Amino acid sequence: MRLTIVRYDNMVSINGEPKPIDCSGLNTDISAVQWYGDHGHIEFVNDGADAYHFRLNEEITDISRFQPVIDAWYAYVPPPPPEPPVIEPPKTGDVPTPPTEAALRVMQQNEAARQEREALQAQQKVTR
């Protein structure tokens, strides 16, 4: 089994498959754990450490102390996908519909009447 645990990211990967696993139970000085089947190492947090306080990786040959995290990886069930939003059908009148033949004729008649009215008004202004 190939195992990677990244404590700060709450990420555990087994054989290349990462899953979000709560790693808060691990010691806070652990940054990551790498396991290669029969051996591995622990990487420590060295933020701001000087040469005298820098911790080297610790070689390990037993992974059992990380078994709770491994068990959590196997037990992990991803959350269900979010419900899709409910899309209401448009209400009548909300969506414009193309005019019918009869409506087009009425619109043309109204436009012709408007133009005729404007022409008459213009003529009346000239004759006054």
N, C-alpha and C. Protein backbone atom coordinates (compact mmCIF):
# COMPACT_ATOMS: atom_id res chain seq x y z
N MET A 1 0.85 -1.18 0.00
CA MET A 1 0.00 0.00 0.00
C MET A 1 0.89 1.24 0.00
N ARG A 2 0.56 2.17 -0.86
CA ARG A 2 1.25 3.47 -0.91
C ARG A 2 0.34 4.47 -0.21
N LEU A 3 0.85 5.13 0.82
CA LEU A 3 0.05 6.02 1.66
C LEU A 3 0.72 7.38 1.78
N THR A 4 -0.07 8.44 1.66
CA THR A 4 0.39 9.80 1.93
C THR A 4 -0.64 10.46 2.83
N ILE A 5 -0.17 11.03 3.92
CA ILE A 5 -1.03 11.79 4.83
C ILE A 5 -0.47 13.20 4.88
N VAL A 6 -1.32 14.19 4.62
CA VAL A 6 -0.91 15.58 4.74
C VAL A 6 -1.82 16.21 5.80
N ARG A 7 -1.27 16.38 7.00
CA ARG A 7 -2.08 16.78 8.15
C ARG A 7 -2.74 18.14 7.96
N TYR A 8 -1.98 19.16 7.54
CA TYR A 8 -2.56 20.51 7.41
C TYR A 8 -3.68 20.57 6.38
N ASP A 9 -3.58 19.77 5.34
CA ASP A 9 -4.60 19.77 4.28
C ASP A 9 -5.75 18.81 4.57
N ASN A 10 -5.63 18.02 5.66
CA ASN A 10 -6.65 17.01 5.95
C ASN A 10 -6.88 16.14 4.71
N MET A 11 -5.79 15.66 4.14
CA MET A 11 -5.86 14.85 2.93
C MET A 11 -5.08 13.56 3.15
N VAL A 12 -5.73 12.46 2.80
CA VAL A 12 -5.08 11.15 2.88
C VAL A 12 -5.24 10.49 1.52
N SER A 13 -4.14 9.98 0.99
CA SER A 13 -4.16 9.32 -0.30
C SER A 13 -3.63 7.90 -0.13
N ILE A 14 -4.41 6.94 -0.60
CA ILE A 14 -3.98 5.55 -0.60
C ILE A 14 -3.98 5.08 -2.04
N ASN A 15 -2.81 4.59 -2.46
CA ASN A 15 -2.62 4.12 -3.83
C ASN A 15 -3.07 5.15 -4.87
N GLY A 16 -2.77 6.40 -4.58
CA GLY A 16 -3.05 7.47 -5.54
C GLY A 16 -4.46 8.03 -5.50
N GLU A 17 -5.30 7.59 -4.57
CA GLU A 17 -6.68 8.09 -4.49
C GLU A 17 -6.83 8.98 -3.25
N PRO A 18 -6.85 10.31 -3.44
CA PRO A 18 -6.96 11.21 -2.29
C PRO A 18 -8.40 11.33 -1.80
N LYS A 19 -8.53 11.48 -0.48
CA LYS A 19 -9.84 11.71 0.13
C LYS A 19 -9.65 12.72 1.27
N PRO A 20 -10.66 13.57 1.48
CA PRO A 20 -10.56 14.53 2.59
C PRO A 20 -10.85 13.82 3.91
N ILE A 21 -9.84 13.68 4.74
CA ILE A 21 -9.96 12.97 6.02
C ILE A 21 -9.49 13.90 7.13
N ASP A 22 -10.23 13.94 8.22
CA ASP A 22 -9.85 14.76 9.37
C ASP A 22 -8.57 14.21 9.99
N CYS A 23 -7.53 14.99 9.95
CA CYS A 23 -6.23 14.58 10.49
C CYS A 23 -5.90 15.33 11.78
N SER A 24 -6.88 15.98 12.39
CA SER A 24 -6.62 16.79 13.57
C SER A 24 -6.16 15.95 14.76
N GLY A 25 -6.39 14.65 14.73
CA GLY A 25 -5.95 13.78 15.81
C GLY A 25 -4.46 13.47 15.78
N LEU A 26 -3.80 13.83 14.69
CA LEU A 26 -2.35 13.59 14.60
C LEU A 26 -1.59 14.63 15.40
N ASN A 27 -0.42 14.28 15.84
CA ASN A 27 0.44 15.18 16.58
C ASN A 27 0.69 16.43 15.74
N THR A 28 0.63 17.61 16.36
CA THR A 28 0.74 18.87 15.62
C THR A 28 2.13 19.12 15.04
N ASP A 29 3.13 18.37 15.48
CA ASP A 29 4.46 18.58 14.89
C ASP A 29 4.66 17.74 13.63
N ILE A 30 3.64 16.94 13.26
CA ILE A 30 3.72 16.15 12.03
C ILE A 30 3.17 16.99 10.87
N SER A 31 3.94 17.06 9.81
CA SER A 31 3.50 17.73 8.59
C SER A 31 2.89 16.72 7.63
N ALA A 32 3.60 15.60 7.42
CA ALA A 32 3.12 14.59 6.47
C ALA A 32 3.71 13.24 6.83
N VAL A 33 3.07 12.21 6.30
CA VAL A 33 3.55 10.84 6.46
C VAL A 33 3.58 10.21 5.07
N GLN A 34 4.67 9.56 4.75
CA GLN A 34 4.80 8.84 3.49
C GLN A 34 5.04 7.36 3.83
N TRP A 35 4.31 6.47 3.19
CA TRP A 35 4.46 5.03 3.44
C TRP A 35 4.57 4.34 2.09
N TYR A 36 5.54 3.44 1.96
CA TYR A 36 5.83 2.79 0.69
C TYR A 36 5.63 1.27 0.74
N GLY A 37 4.71 0.82 1.56
CA GLY A 37 4.40 -0.61 1.61
C GLY A 37 5.03 -1.32 2.78
N ASP A 38 6.33 -1.14 2.98
CA ASP A 38 6.99 -1.80 4.11
C ASP A 38 7.88 -0.85 4.89
N HIS A 39 7.94 0.39 4.46
CA HIS A 39 8.73 1.40 5.16
C HIS A 39 8.21 2.78 4.76
N GLY A 40 8.65 3.77 5.49
CA GLY A 40 8.23 5.13 5.16
C GLY A 40 8.94 6.12 6.05
N HIS A 41 8.37 7.34 6.10
CA HIS A 41 8.94 8.36 6.97
C HIS A 41 7.89 9.37 7.37
N ILE A 42 8.17 10.03 8.47
CA ILE A 42 7.33 11.12 8.96
C ILE A 42 8.08 12.42 8.69
N GLU A 43 7.37 13.37 8.09
CA GLU A 43 7.93 14.70 7.84
C GLU A 43 7.40 15.63 8.92
N PHE A 44 8.27 16.41 9.50
CA PHE A 44 7.88 17.27 10.62
C PHE A 44 7.75 18.72 10.20
N VAL A 45 6.97 19.47 10.97
CA VAL A 45 6.81 20.91 10.77
C VAL A 45 8.11 21.58 11.21
N ASN A 46 8.71 22.31 10.31
CA ASN A 46 9.96 23.00 10.61
C ASN A 46 9.87 24.49 10.31
N ASP A 47 8.67 25.03 10.32
CA ASP A 47 8.48 26.45 10.00
C ASP A 47 9.28 27.32 10.96
N GLY A 48 10.18 28.07 10.42
CA GLY A 48 10.97 29.00 11.23
C GLY A 48 12.06 28.35 12.07
N ALA A 49 12.26 27.06 11.90
CA ALA A 49 13.28 26.38 12.70
C ALA A 49 14.67 26.72 12.19
N ASP A 50 15.57 27.00 13.12
CA ASP A 50 16.95 27.24 12.70
C ASP A 50 17.69 25.89 12.61
N ALA A 51 18.92 25.92 12.24
CA ALA A 51 19.69 24.70 12.02
C ALA A 51 19.79 23.83 13.28
N TYR A 52 19.67 24.44 14.45
CA TYR A 52 19.80 23.68 15.69
C TYR A 52 18.49 22.99 16.11
N HIS A 53 17.38 23.50 15.57
CA HIS A 53 16.07 22.96 15.96
C HIS A 53 15.33 22.27 14.81
N PHE A 54 15.96 22.19 13.68
CA PHE A 54 15.35 21.56 12.50
C PHE A 54 15.25 20.05 12.72
N ARG A 55 14.04 19.50 12.51
CA ARG A 55 13.85 18.05 12.70
C ARG A 55 13.93 17.36 11.35
N LEU A 56 14.77 16.38 11.26
CA LEU A 56 14.88 15.58 10.05
C LEU A 56 13.71 14.60 9.98
N ASN A 57 13.44 14.09 8.79
CA ASN A 57 12.42 13.07 8.64
C ASN A 57 12.76 11.88 9.52
N GLU A 58 11.72 11.27 10.07
CA GLU A 58 11.91 10.08 10.91
C GLU A 58 11.52 8.85 10.11
N GLU A 59 12.47 7.95 9.92
CA GLU A 59 12.19 6.71 9.19
C GLU A 59 11.30 5.82 10.07
N ILE A 60 10.31 5.16 9.45
CA ILE A 60 9.42 4.25 10.18
C ILE A 60 9.30 2.93 9.42
N THR A 61 9.06 1.87 10.17
CA THR A 61 8.83 0.55 9.57
C THR A 61 7.51 -0.04 10.05
N ASP A 62 6.74 0.75 10.80
CA ASP A 62 5.44 0.31 11.32
C ASP A 62 4.45 1.46 11.13
N ILE A 63 3.37 1.18 10.46
CA ILE A 63 2.38 2.21 10.15
C ILE A 63 1.19 2.16 11.10
N SER A 64 1.19 1.25 12.06
CA SER A 64 0.01 1.01 12.90
C SER A 64 -0.44 2.24 13.69
N ARG A 65 0.45 3.15 14.04
CA ARG A 65 0.03 4.33 14.80
C ARG A 65 -0.82 5.27 13.96
N PHE A 66 -0.84 5.07 12.65
CA PHE A 66 -1.67 5.89 11.76
C PHE A 66 -2.91 5.12 11.28
N GLN A 67 -3.16 3.97 11.88
CA GLN A 67 -4.29 3.13 11.48
C GLN A 67 -5.63 3.85 11.57
N PRO A 68 -5.89 4.70 12.60
CA PRO A 68 -7.18 5.40 12.63
C PRO A 68 -7.43 6.26 11.38
N VAL A 69 -6.38 6.89 10.87
CA VAL A 69 -6.53 7.71 9.66
C VAL A 69 -6.77 6.81 8.45
N ILE A 70 -6.08 5.68 8.41
CA ILE A 70 -6.27 4.73 7.31
C ILE A 70 -7.70 4.18 7.35
N ASP A 71 -8.17 3.83 8.54
CA ASP A 71 -9.55 3.32 8.68
C ASP A 71 -10.56 4.38 8.23
N ALA A 72 -10.30 5.64 8.58
CA ALA A 72 -11.21 6.72 8.18
C ALA A 72 -11.23 6.86 6.66
N TRP A 73 -10.08 6.65 6.00
CA TRP A 73 -10.03 6.71 4.54
C TRP A 73 -10.93 5.64 3.93
N TYR A 74 -10.85 4.41 4.47
CA TYR A 74 -11.67 3.32 3.94
C TYR A 74 -13.15 3.52 4.25
N ALA A 75 -13.46 4.19 5.35
CA ALA A 75 -14.86 4.39 5.75
C ALA A 75 -15.47 5.63 5.09
N TYR A 76 -14.66 6.45 4.46
CA TYR A 76 -15.14 7.73 3.92
C TYR A 76 -16.20 7.50 2.85
N VAL A 77 -17.31 8.21 3.00
CA VAL A 77 -18.37 8.22 2.01
C VAL A 77 -18.53 9.67 1.57
N PRO A 78 -18.35 9.97 0.30
CA PRO A 78 -18.45 11.37 -0.14
C PRO A 78 -19.87 11.88 0.07
N PRO A 79 -20.01 13.18 0.33
CA PRO A 79 -21.35 13.74 0.49
C PRO A 79 -22.12 13.65 -0.82
N PRO A 80 -23.44 13.56 -0.72
CA PRO A 80 -24.23 13.50 -1.95
C PRO A 80 -24.09 14.81 -2.72
N PRO A 81 -24.26 14.75 -4.03
CA PRO A 81 -24.18 15.99 -4.82
C PRO A 81 -25.32 16.92 -4.42
N PRO A 82 -25.13 18.22 -4.56
CA PRO A 82 -26.20 19.16 -4.20
C PRO A 82 -27.41 18.97 -5.10
N GLU A 83 -28.55 19.26 -4.52
CA GLU A 83 -29.79 19.18 -5.30
C GLU A 83 -29.74 20.22 -6.42
N PRO A 84 -30.16 19.85 -7.62
CA PRO A 84 -30.19 20.86 -8.69
C PRO A 84 -31.26 21.90 -8.37
N PRO A 85 -31.06 23.13 -8.78
CA PRO A 85 -32.06 24.16 -8.49
C PRO A 85 -33.36 23.86 -9.22
N VAL A 86 -34.45 24.21 -8.58
CA VAL A 86 -35.77 24.03 -9.20
C VAL A 86 -35.99 25.21 -10.13
N ILE A 87 -36.23 24.91 -11.38
CA ILE A 87 -36.46 25.96 -12.37
C ILE A 87 -37.95 25.99 -12.66
N GLU A 88 -38.55 27.10 -12.28
CA GLU A 88 -39.98 27.27 -12.49
C GLU A 88 -40.25 27.55 -13.97
N PRO A 89 -41.30 26.96 -14.52
CA PRO A 89 -41.64 27.31 -15.91
C PRO A 89 -42.12 28.77 -15.94
N PRO A 90 -41.87 29.46 -17.03
CA PRO A 90 -42.29 30.87 -17.09
C PRO A 90 -43.80 30.99 -17.00
N LYS A 91 -44.22 32.05 -16.33
CA LYS A 91 -45.65 32.32 -16.21
C LYS A 91 -46.12 32.93 -17.53
N THR A 92 -47.39 32.77 -17.82
CA THR A 92 -47.95 33.35 -19.03
C THR A 92 -47.75 34.85 -18.98
N GLY A 93 -47.25 35.41 -20.03
CA GLY A 93 -47.02 36.83 -20.09
C GLY A 93 -45.58 37.20 -19.75
N ASP A 94 -44.86 36.31 -19.07
CA ASP A 94 -43.47 36.60 -18.73
C ASP A 94 -42.56 36.47 -19.95
N VAL A 95 -42.92 35.58 -20.85
CA VAL A 95 -42.10 35.34 -22.02
C VAL A 95 -42.84 35.86 -23.24
N PRO A 96 -42.23 36.78 -23.96
CA PRO A 96 -42.92 37.27 -25.15
C PRO A 96 -43.07 36.17 -26.19
N THR A 97 -44.21 36.13 -26.78
CA THR A 97 -44.46 35.15 -27.84
C THR A 97 -44.59 35.92 -29.15
N PRO A 98 -44.24 35.31 -30.25
CA PRO A 98 -44.36 36.03 -31.53
C PRO A 98 -45.83 36.33 -31.82
N PRO A 99 -46.08 37.48 -32.43
CA PRO A 99 -47.47 37.84 -32.72
C PRO A 99 -48.08 36.92 -33.78
N THR A 100 -49.38 36.75 -33.67
CA THR A 100 -50.10 35.93 -34.64
C THR A 100 -50.31 36.74 -35.92
N GLU A 101 -50.78 36.08 -36.96
CA GLU A 101 -51.07 36.77 -38.23
C GLU A 101 -52.08 37.89 -38.02
N ALA A 102 -53.11 37.61 -37.24
CA ALA A 102 -54.15 38.62 -37.00
C ALA A 102 -53.57 39.81 -36.24
N ALA A 103 -52.71 39.53 -35.25
CA ALA A 103 -52.10 40.61 -34.48
C ALA A 103 -51.20 41.45 -35.38
N LEU A 104 -50.46 40.79 -36.28
CA LEU A 104 -49.61 41.54 -37.21
C LEU A 104 -50.44 42.47 -38.10
N ARG A 105 -51.59 41.98 -38.57
CA ARG A 105 -52.46 42.83 -39.41
C ARG A 105 -52.94 44.05 -38.62
N VAL A 106 -53.33 43.83 -37.36
CA VAL A 106 -53.80 44.94 -36.53
C VAL A 106 -52.67 45.93 -36.29
N MET A 107 -51.46 45.43 -36.05
CA MET A 107 -50.32 46.31 -35.83
C MET A 107 -50.04 47.15 -37.09
N GLN A 108 -50.13 46.52 -38.26
CA GLN A 108 -49.91 47.25 -39.51
C GLN A 108 -50.99 48.31 -39.72
N GLN A 109 -52.24 47.97 -39.41
CA GLN A 109 -53.34 48.92 -39.55
C GLN A 109 -53.14 50.10 -38.60
N ASN A 110 -52.72 49.79 -37.37
CA ASN A 110 -52.49 50.86 -36.39
C ASN A 110 -51.36 51.78 -36.85
N GLU A 111 -50.31 51.19 -37.40
CA GLU A 111 -49.19 51.99 -37.88
C GLU A 111 -49.61 52.88 -39.05
N ALA A 112 -50.40 52.31 -39.95
CA ALA A 112 -50.89 53.09 -41.09
C ALA A 112 -51.79 54.23 -40.60
N ALA A 113 -52.65 53.96 -39.63
CA ALA A 113 -53.53 54.99 -39.09
C ALA A 113 -52.71 56.07 -38.39
N ARG A 114 -51.66 55.70 -37.66
CA ARG A 114 -50.81 56.68 -36.99
C ARG A 114 -50.13 57.59 -38.01
N GLN A 115 -49.61 56.99 -39.08
CA GLN A 115 -48.94 57.79 -40.11
C GLN A 115 -49.94 58.75 -40.78
N GLU A 116 -51.15 58.27 -41.03
CA GLU A 116 -52.18 59.10 -41.66
C GLU A 116 -52.55 60.26 -40.73
N ARG A 117 -52.68 59.97 -39.44
CA ARG A 117 -53.01 61.00 -38.45
C ARG A 117 -51.90 62.06 -38.39
N GLU A 118 -50.64 61.61 -38.39
CA GLU A 118 -49.53 62.57 -38.35
C GLU A 118 -49.50 63.43 -39.61
N ALA A 119 -49.81 62.84 -40.75
CA ALA A 119 -49.83 63.60 -42.00
C ALA A 119 -50.93 64.66 -41.95
N LEU A 120 -52.10 64.30 -41.43
CA LEU A 120 -53.21 65.27 -41.32
C LEU A 120 -52.85 66.40 -40.36
N GLN A 121 -52.19 66.04 -39.22
CA GLN A 121 -51.81 67.07 -38.26
C GLN A 121 -50.78 68.01 -38.87
N ALA A 122 -49.88 67.47 -39.65
CA ALA A 122 -48.87 68.32 -40.30
C ALA A 122 -49.53 69.26 -41.30
N GLN A 123 -50.56 68.78 -42.03
CA GLN A 123 -51.28 69.60 -43.00
C GLN A 123 -52.03 70.73 -42.29
N GLN A 124 -52.63 70.38 -41.14
CA GLN A 124 -53.39 71.39 -40.41
C GLN A 124 -52.47 72.50 -39.90
N LYS A 125 -51.26 72.19 -39.51
CA LYS A 125 -50.32 73.18 -39.03
C LYS A 125 -49.93 74.13 -40.17
N VAL A 126 -49.81 73.58 -41.37
CA VAL A 126 -49.41 74.39 -42.51
C VAL A 126 -50.53 75.36 -42.87
N THR A 127 -51.77 74.93 -42.80
CA THR A 127 -52.90 75.78 -43.21
C THR A 127 -53.27 76.78 -42.16
N ARG A 128 -52.79 76.73 -41.00
CA ARG A 128 -53.15 77.69 -39.96
C ARG A 128 -52.37 78.91 -40.11
